[in-house]
Amino acid sequence: MLPLRPIWPGFAINTVFYAAILWLLFAAFGRIRRWRRIKRGLCAGCGYPVGSNERCTECGKPVTPKHVVLGV
């Protein structure tokens, strides 16, 4: 015999559980992409090469330069 109506508490719990797993996967992908861009000396937001500027010249987001040159 097949059920004709869903069991609402189980349906809701499963939906939230699997939505959280998918959200974590997509969030992890974005975080890894930003981390790799920063590691390569690129803007974390758009991937444009950043020199010694405090802001990205392409998108305007604030960035921290990979290498800090100190005046001697």
PDB file of N, CA and C in Angstrom:
ATOM      1  N   MET A   1       0.833  -1.160   0.000  1.00  0.00           N
ATOM      2  CA  MET A   1       0.000   0.000   0.000  1.00  0.00           C
ATOM      3  C   MET A   1       0.894   1.246   0.000  1.00  0.00           C
ATOM      4  N   LEU A   2       0.646   2.170  -0.897  1.00  0.00           N
ATOM      5  CA  LEU A   2       1.413   3.400  -0.993  1.00  0.00           C
ATOM      6  C   LEU A   2       0.744   4.506  -0.190  1.00  0.00           C
ATOM      7  N   PRO A   3       1.545   5.325   0.483  1.00  0.00           N
ATOM      8  CA  PRO A   3       0.948   6.456   1.211  1.00  0.00           C
ATOM      9  C   PRO A   3       0.475   7.521   0.224  1.00  0.00           C
ATOM     10  N   LEU A   4      -0.646   8.104   0.490  1.00  0.00           N
ATOM     11  CA  LEU A   4      -1.205   9.121  -0.390  1.00  0.00           C
ATOM     12  C   LEU A   4      -0.912  10.538   0.091  1.00  0.00           C
ATOM     13  N   ARG A   5      -0.561  10.695   1.335  1.00  0.00           N
ATOM     14  CA  ARG A   5      -0.251  12.014   1.891  1.00  0.00           C
ATOM     15  C   ARG A   5       1.125  11.972   2.540  1.00  0.00           C
ATOM     16  N   PRO A   6       1.888  13.067   2.434  1.00  0.00           N
ATOM     17  CA  PRO A   6       3.216  13.081   3.070  1.00  0.00           C
ATOM     18  C   PRO A   6       3.102  13.187   4.587  1.00  0.00           C
ATOM     19  N   ILE A   7       4.130  12.715   5.253  1.00  0.00           N
ATOM     20  CA  ILE A   7       4.223  12.861   6.707  1.00  0.00           C
ATOM     21  C   ILE A   7       4.956  14.185   6.937  1.00  0.00           C
ATOM     22  N   TRP A   8       4.228  15.227   7.296  1.00  0.00           N
ATOM     23  CA  TRP A   8       4.748  16.590   7.301  1.00  0.00           C
ATOM     24  C   TRP A   8       5.952  16.814   8.199  1.00  0.00           C
ATOM     25  N   PRO A   9       6.010  16.346   9.425  1.00  0.00           N
ATOM     26  CA  PRO A   9       7.215  16.613  10.226  1.00  0.00           C
ATOM     27  C   PRO A   9       8.473  16.007   9.594  1.00  0.00           C
ATOM     28  N   GLY A  10       8.386  14.784   9.109  1.00  0.00           N
ATOM     29  CA  GLY A  10       9.539  14.160   8.467  1.00  0.00           C
ATOM     30  C   GLY A  10       9.914  14.859   7.177  1.00  0.00           C
ATOM     31  N   PHE A  11       8.905  15.274   6.406  1.00  0.00           N
ATOM     32  CA  PHE A  11       9.145  15.998   5.160  1.00  0.00           C
ATOM     33  C   PHE A  11       9.872  17.312   5.417  1.00  0.00           C
ATOM     34  N   ALA A  12       9.442  18.050   6.428  1.00  0.00           N
ATOM     35  CA  ALA A  12      10.057  19.337   6.763  1.00  0.00           C
ATOM     36  C   ALA A  12      11.492  19.146   7.255  1.00  0.00           C
ATOM     37  N   ILE A  13      11.710  18.148   8.100  1.00  0.00           N
ATOM     38  CA  ILE A  13      13.051  17.903   8.633  1.00  0.00           C
ATOM     39  C   ILE A  13      14.001  17.495   7.515  1.00  0.00           C
ATOM     40  N   ASN A  14      13.562  16.613   6.621  1.00  0.00           N
ATOM     41  CA  ASN A  14      14.403  16.204   5.501  1.00  0.00           C
ATOM     42  C   ASN A  14      14.724  17.370   4.577  1.00  0.00           C
ATOM     43  N   THR A  15      13.746  18.220   4.317  1.00  0.00           N
ATOM     44  CA  THR A  15      13.962  19.366   3.445  1.00  0.00           C
ATOM     45  C   THR A  15      15.009  20.306   4.032  1.00  0.00           C
ATOM     46  N   VAL A  16      14.894  20.619   5.311  1.00  0.00           N
ATOM     47  CA  VAL A  16      15.863  21.509   5.960  1.00  0.00           C
ATOM     48  C   VAL A  16      17.245  20.869   5.992  1.00  0.00           C
ATOM     49  N   PHE A  17      17.317  19.599   6.287  1.00  0.00           N
ATOM     50  CA  PHE A  17      18.593  18.889   6.362  1.00  0.00           C
ATOM     51  C   PHE A  17      19.329  18.907   5.028  1.00  0.00           C
ATOM     52  N   TYR A  18      18.654  18.535   3.950  1.00  0.00           N
ATOM     53  CA  TYR A  18      19.313  18.475   2.646  1.00  0.00           C
ATOM     54  C   TYR A  18      19.579  19.869   2.076  1.00  0.00           C
ATOM     55  N   ALA A  19      18.743  20.834   2.398  1.00  0.00           N
ATOM     56  CA  ALA A  19      19.015  22.211   1.973  1.00  0.00           C
ATOM     57  C   ALA A  19      20.260  22.747   2.672  1.00  0.00           C
ATOM     58  N   ALA A  20      20.452  22.406   3.941  1.00  0.00           N
ATOM     59  CA  ALA A  20      21.650  22.847   4.664  1.00  0.00           C
ATOM     60  C   ALA A  20      22.905  22.207   4.073  1.00  0.00           C
ATOM     61  N   ILE A  21      22.834  20.954   3.701  1.00  0.00           N
ATOM     62  CA  ILE A  21      23.989  20.293   3.087  1.00  0.00           C
ATOM     63  C   ILE A  21      24.342  20.971   1.766  1.00  0.00           C
ATOM     64  N   LEU A  22      23.352  21.238   0.932  1.00  0.00           N
ATOM     65  CA  LEU A  22      23.621  21.913  -0.343  1.00  0.00           C
ATOM     66  C   LEU A  22      24.186  23.308  -0.128  1.00  0.00           C
ATOM     67  N   TRP A  23      23.640  24.046   0.841  1.00  0.00           N
ATOM     68  CA  TRP A  23      24.132  25.383   1.114  1.00  0.00           C
ATOM     69  C   TRP A  23      25.601  25.338   1.551  1.00  0.00           C
ATOM     70  N   LEU A  24      25.962  24.381   2.407  1.00  0.00           N
ATOM     71  CA  LEU A  24      27.347  24.250   2.854  1.00  0.00           C
ATOM     72  C   LEU A  24      28.283  23.927   1.694  1.00  0.00           C
ATOM     73  N   LEU A  25      27.851  23.089   0.769  1.00  0.00           N
ATOM     74  CA  LEU A  25      28.688  22.777  -0.387  1.00  0.00           C
ATOM     75  C   LEU A  25      28.947  24.009  -1.240  1.00  0.00           C
ATOM     76  N   PHE A  26      27.889  24.774  -1.526  1.00  0.00           N
ATOM     77  CA  PHE A  26      28.068  25.973  -2.331  1.00  0.00           C
ATOM     78  C   PHE A  26      28.871  27.040  -1.597  1.00  0.00           C
ATOM     79  N   ALA A  27      28.676  27.178  -0.300  1.00  0.00           N
ATOM     80  CA  ALA A  27      29.435  28.156   0.482  1.00  0.00           C
ATOM     81  C   ALA A  27      30.908  27.755   0.533  1.00  0.00           C
ATOM     82  N   ALA A  28      31.187  26.472   0.668  1.00  0.00           N
ATOM     83  CA  ALA A  28      32.581  26.007   0.701  1.00  0.00           C
ATOM     84  C   ALA A  28      33.259  26.270  -0.636  1.00  0.00           C
ATOM     85  N   PHE A  29      32.538  26.058  -1.738  1.00  0.00           N
ATOM     86  CA  PHE A  29      33.116  26.319  -3.056  1.00  0.00           C
ATOM     87  C   PHE A  29      33.500  27.790  -3.198  1.00  0.00           C
ATOM     88  N   GLY A  30      32.624  28.694  -2.776  1.00  0.00           N
ATOM     89  CA  GLY A  30      32.923  30.127  -2.864  1.00  0.00           C
ATOM     90  C   GLY A  30      34.084  30.535  -1.977  1.00  0.00           C
ATOM     91  N   ARG A  31      34.153  29.969  -0.775  1.00  0.00           N
ATOM     92  CA  ARG A  31      35.240  30.298   0.144  1.00  0.00           C
ATOM     93  C   ARG A  31      36.588  29.804  -0.394  1.00  0.00           C
ATOM     94  N   ILE A  32      36.601  28.614  -0.958  1.00  0.00           N
ATOM     95  CA  ILE A  32      37.841  28.087  -1.537  1.00  0.00           C
ATOM     96  C   ILE A  32      38.277  28.943  -2.720  1.00  0.00           C
ATOM     97  N   ARG A  33      37.332  29.381  -3.541  1.00  0.00           N
ATOM     98  CA  ARG A  33      37.666  30.229  -4.683  1.00  0.00           C
ATOM     99  C   ARG A  33      38.264  31.560  -4.223  1.00  0.00           C
ATOM    100  N   ARG A  34      37.662  32.183  -3.196  1.00  0.00           N
ATOM    101  CA  ARG A  34      38.208  33.446  -2.678  1.00  0.00           C
ATOM    102  C   ARG A  34      39.587  33.233  -2.073  1.00  0.00           C
ATOM    103  N   TRP A  35      39.772  32.136  -1.332  1.00  0.00           N
ATOM    104  CA  TRP A  35      41.067  31.850  -0.709  1.00  0.00           C
ATOM    105  C   TRP A  35      42.154  31.677  -1.773  1.00  0.00           C
ATOM    106  N   ARG A  36      41.840  30.961  -2.864  1.00  0.00           N
ATOM    107  CA  ARG A  36      42.827  30.764  -3.931  1.00  0.00           C
ATOM    108  C   ARG A  36      43.165  32.082  -4.623  1.00  0.00           C
ATOM    109  N   ARG A  37      42.164  32.941  -4.815  1.00  0.00           N
ATOM    110  CA  ARG A  37      42.425  34.239  -5.444  1.00  0.00           C
ATOM    111  C   ARG A  37      43.338  35.088  -4.568  1.00  0.00           C
ATOM    112  N   ILE A  38      43.082  35.134  -3.266  1.00  0.00           N
ATOM    113  CA  ILE A  38      43.916  35.921  -2.356  1.00  0.00           C
ATOM    114  C   ILE A  38      45.331  35.362  -2.343  1.00  0.00           C
ATOM    115  N   LYS A  39      45.452  34.044  -2.325  1.00  0.00           N
ATOM    116  CA  LYS A  39      46.764  33.400  -2.312  1.00  0.00           C
ATOM    117  C   LYS A  39      47.572  33.751  -3.558  1.00  0.00           C
ATOM    118  N   ARG A  40      46.906  33.929  -4.682  1.00  0.00           N
ATOM    119  CA  ARG A  40      47.583  34.264  -5.935  1.00  0.00           C
ATOM    120  C   ARG A  40      47.816  35.759  -6.106  1.00  0.00           C
ATOM    121  N   GLY A  41      47.343  36.559  -5.163  1.00  0.00           N
ATOM    122  CA  GLY A  41      47.522  38.008  -5.254  1.00  0.00           C
ATOM    123  C   GLY A  41      46.465  38.686  -6.100  1.00  0.00           C
ATOM    124  N   LEU A  42      45.296  38.080  -6.215  1.00  0.00           N
ATOM    125  CA  LEU A  42      44.196  38.646  -6.987  1.00  0.00           C
ATOM    126  C   LEU A  42      43.130  39.188  -6.046  1.00  0.00           C
ATOM    127  N   CYS A  43      42.227  39.975  -6.594  1.00  0.00           N
ATOM    128  CA  CYS A  43      41.101  40.475  -5.818  1.00  0.00           C
ATOM    129  C   CYS A  43      40.191  39.301  -5.474  1.00  0.00           C
ATOM    130  N   ALA A  44      39.754  39.214  -4.227  1.00  0.00           N
ATOM    131  CA  ALA A  44      38.894  38.106  -3.807  1.00  0.00           C
ATOM    132  C   ALA A  44      37.513  38.189  -4.445  1.00  0.00           C
ATOM    133  N   GLY A  45      37.067  39.374  -4.794  1.00  0.00           N
ATOM    134  CA  GLY A  45      35.733  39.538  -5.350  1.00  0.00           C
ATOM    135  C   GLY A  45      35.636  39.270  -6.833  1.00  0.00           C
ATOM    136  N   CYS A  46      36.575  39.812  -7.619  1.00  0.00           N
ATOM    137  CA  CYS A  46      36.441  39.701  -9.070  1.00  0.00           C
ATOM    138  C   CYS A  46      37.587  38.942  -9.736  1.00  0.00           C
ATOM    139  N   GLY A  47      38.688  38.689  -9.031  1.00  0.00           N
ATOM    140  CA  GLY A  47      39.803  37.948  -9.608  1.00  0.00           C
ATOM    141  C   GLY A  47      40.756  38.799 -10.424  1.00  0.00           C
ATOM    142  N   TYR A  48      40.639  40.115 -10.340  1.00  0.00           N
ATOM    143  CA  TYR A  48      41.511  41.016 -11.089  1.00  0.00           C
ATOM    144  C   TYR A  48      42.854  41.141 -10.367  1.00  0.00           C
ATOM    145  N   PRO A  49      43.974  41.195 -11.096  1.00  0.00           N
ATOM    146  CA  PRO A  49      45.275  41.334 -10.431  1.00  0.00           C
ATOM    147  C   PRO A  49      45.360  42.642  -9.640  1.00  0.00           C
ATOM    148  N   VAL A  50      45.837  42.526  -8.417  1.00  0.00           N
ATOM    149  CA  VAL A  50      45.942  43.686  -7.534  1.00  0.00           C
ATOM    150  C   VAL A  50      47.418  43.945  -7.274  1.00  0.00           C
ATOM    151  N   GLY A  51      47.817  45.190  -7.379  1.00  0.00           N
ATOM    152  CA  GLY A  51      49.198  45.546  -7.083  1.00  0.00           C
ATOM    153  C   GLY A  51      49.330  45.901  -5.616  1.00  0.00           C
ATOM    154  N   SER A  52      49.845  47.063  -5.339  1.00  0.00           N
ATOM    155  CA  SER A  52      50.017  47.506  -3.960  1.00  0.00           C
ATOM    156  C   SER A  52      48.894  48.450  -3.524  1.00  0.00           C
ATOM    157  N   ASN A  53      47.811  48.507  -4.279  1.00  0.00           N
ATOM    158  CA  ASN A  53      46.681  49.369  -3.941  1.00  0.00           C
ATOM    159  C   ASN A  53      45.898  48.809  -2.765  1.00  0.00           C
ATOM    160  N   GLU A  54      45.219  49.698  -2.050  1.00  0.00           N
ATOM    161  CA  GLU A  54      44.368  49.266  -0.943  1.00  0.00           C
ATOM    162  C   GLU A  54      42.988  48.843  -1.439  1.00  0.00           C
ATOM    163  N   ARG A  55      42.629  49.243  -2.649  1.00  0.00           N
ATOM    164  CA  ARG A  55      41.344  48.879  -3.244  1.00  0.00           C
ATOM    165  C   ARG A  55      41.586  48.286  -4.626  1.00  0.00           C
ATOM    166  N   CYS A  56      40.700  47.383  -5.007  1.00  0.00           N
ATOM    167  CA  CYS A  56      40.778  46.778  -6.333  1.00  0.00           C
ATOM    168  C   CYS A  56      40.463  47.845  -7.373  1.00  0.00           C
ATOM    169  N   THR A  57      41.270  47.927  -8.411  1.00  0.00           N
ATOM    170  CA  THR A  57      41.049  48.933  -9.451  1.00  0.00           C
ATOM    171  C   THR A  57      39.910  48.541 -10.387  1.00  0.00           C
ATOM    172  N   GLU A  58      39.469  47.298 -10.349  1.00  0.00           N
ATOM    173  CA  GLU A  58      38.388  46.836 -11.213  1.00  0.00           C
ATOM    174  C   GLU A  58      37.021  46.975 -10.550  1.00  0.00           C
ATOM    175  N   CYS A  59      36.865  46.436  -9.322  1.00  0.00           N
ATOM    176  CA  CYS A  59      35.547  46.444  -8.685  1.00  0.00           C
ATOM    177  C   CYS A  59      35.455  47.405  -7.501  1.00  0.00           C
ATOM    178  N   GLY A  60      36.577  47.885  -6.973  1.00  0.00           N
ATOM    179  CA  GLY A  60      36.565  48.857  -5.887  1.00  0.00           C
ATOM    180  C   GLY A  60      36.505  48.277  -4.492  1.00  0.00           C
ATOM    181  N   LYS A  61      36.544  46.952  -4.357  1.00  0.00           N
ATOM    182  CA  LYS A  61      36.503  46.345  -3.027  1.00  0.00           C
ATOM    183  C   LYS A  61      37.836  46.540  -2.318  1.00  0.00           C
ATOM    184  N   PRO A  62      37.802  46.717  -0.993  1.00  0.00           N
ATOM    185  CA  PRO A  62      39.069  46.829  -0.260  1.00  0.00           C
ATOM    186  C   PRO A  62      39.785  45.477  -0.237  1.00  0.00           C
ATOM    187  N   VAL A  63      41.099  45.518  -0.458  1.00  0.00           N
ATOM    188  CA  VAL A  63      41.909  44.295  -0.465  1.00  0.00           C
ATOM    189  C   VAL A  63      43.126  44.499   0.422  1.00  0.00           C
ATOM    190  N   THR A  64      43.655  43.407   0.887  1.00  0.00           N
ATOM    191  CA  THR A  64      44.911  43.453   1.625  1.00  0.00           C
ATOM    192  C   THR A  64      45.993  42.937   0.698  1.00  0.00           C
ATOM    193  N   PRO A  65      47.017  43.734   0.432  1.00  0.00           N
ATOM    194  CA  PRO A  65      48.082  43.286  -0.462  1.00  0.00           C
ATOM    195  C   PRO A  65      48.788  42.063   0.090  1.00  0.00           C
ATOM    196  N   LYS A  66      49.200  41.165  -0.802  1.00  0.00           N
ATOM    197  CA  LYS A  66      49.868  39.934  -0.383  1.00  0.00           C
ATOM    198  C   LYS A  66      51.250  40.252   0.176  1.00  0.00           C
ATOM    199  N   HIS A  67      51.969  41.127  -0.496  1.00  0.00           N
ATOM    200  CA  HIS A  67      53.307  41.500  -0.071  1.00  0.00           C
ATOM    201  C   HIS A  67      53.321  42.960   0.340  1.00  0.00           C
ATOM    202  N   VAL A  68      53.783  43.235   1.525  1.00  0.00           N
ATOM    203  CA  VAL A  68      53.865  44.616   2.007  1.00  0.00           C
ATOM    204  C   VAL A  68      55.318  45.053   1.878  1.00  0.00           C
ATOM    205  N   VAL A  69      55.535  46.153   1.156  1.00  0.00           N
ATOM    206  CA  VAL A  69      56.879  46.668   0.953  1.00  0.00           C
ATOM    207  C   VAL A  69      57.114  47.750   2.010  1.00  0.00           C
ATOM    208  N   LEU A  70      58.134  47.560   2.833  1.00  0.00           N
ATOM    209  CA  LEU A  70      58.461  48.525   3.861  1.00  0.00           C
ATOM    210  C   LEU A  70      59.591  49.416   3.379  1.00  0.00           C
ATOM    211  N   GLY A  71      59.431  50.691   3.609  1.00  0.00           N
ATOM    212  CA  GLY A  71      60.490  51.638   3.225  1.00  0.00           C
ATOM    213  C   GLY A  71      61.653  51.563   4.207  1.00  0.00           C
ATOM    214  N   VAL A  72      62.851  51.363   3.678  1.00  0.00           N
ATOM    215  CA  VAL A  72      64.023  51.239   4.525  1.00  0.00           C
ATOM    216  C   VAL A  72      64.864  52.471   4.442  1.00  0.00           C
TER     217      VAL A  72
END
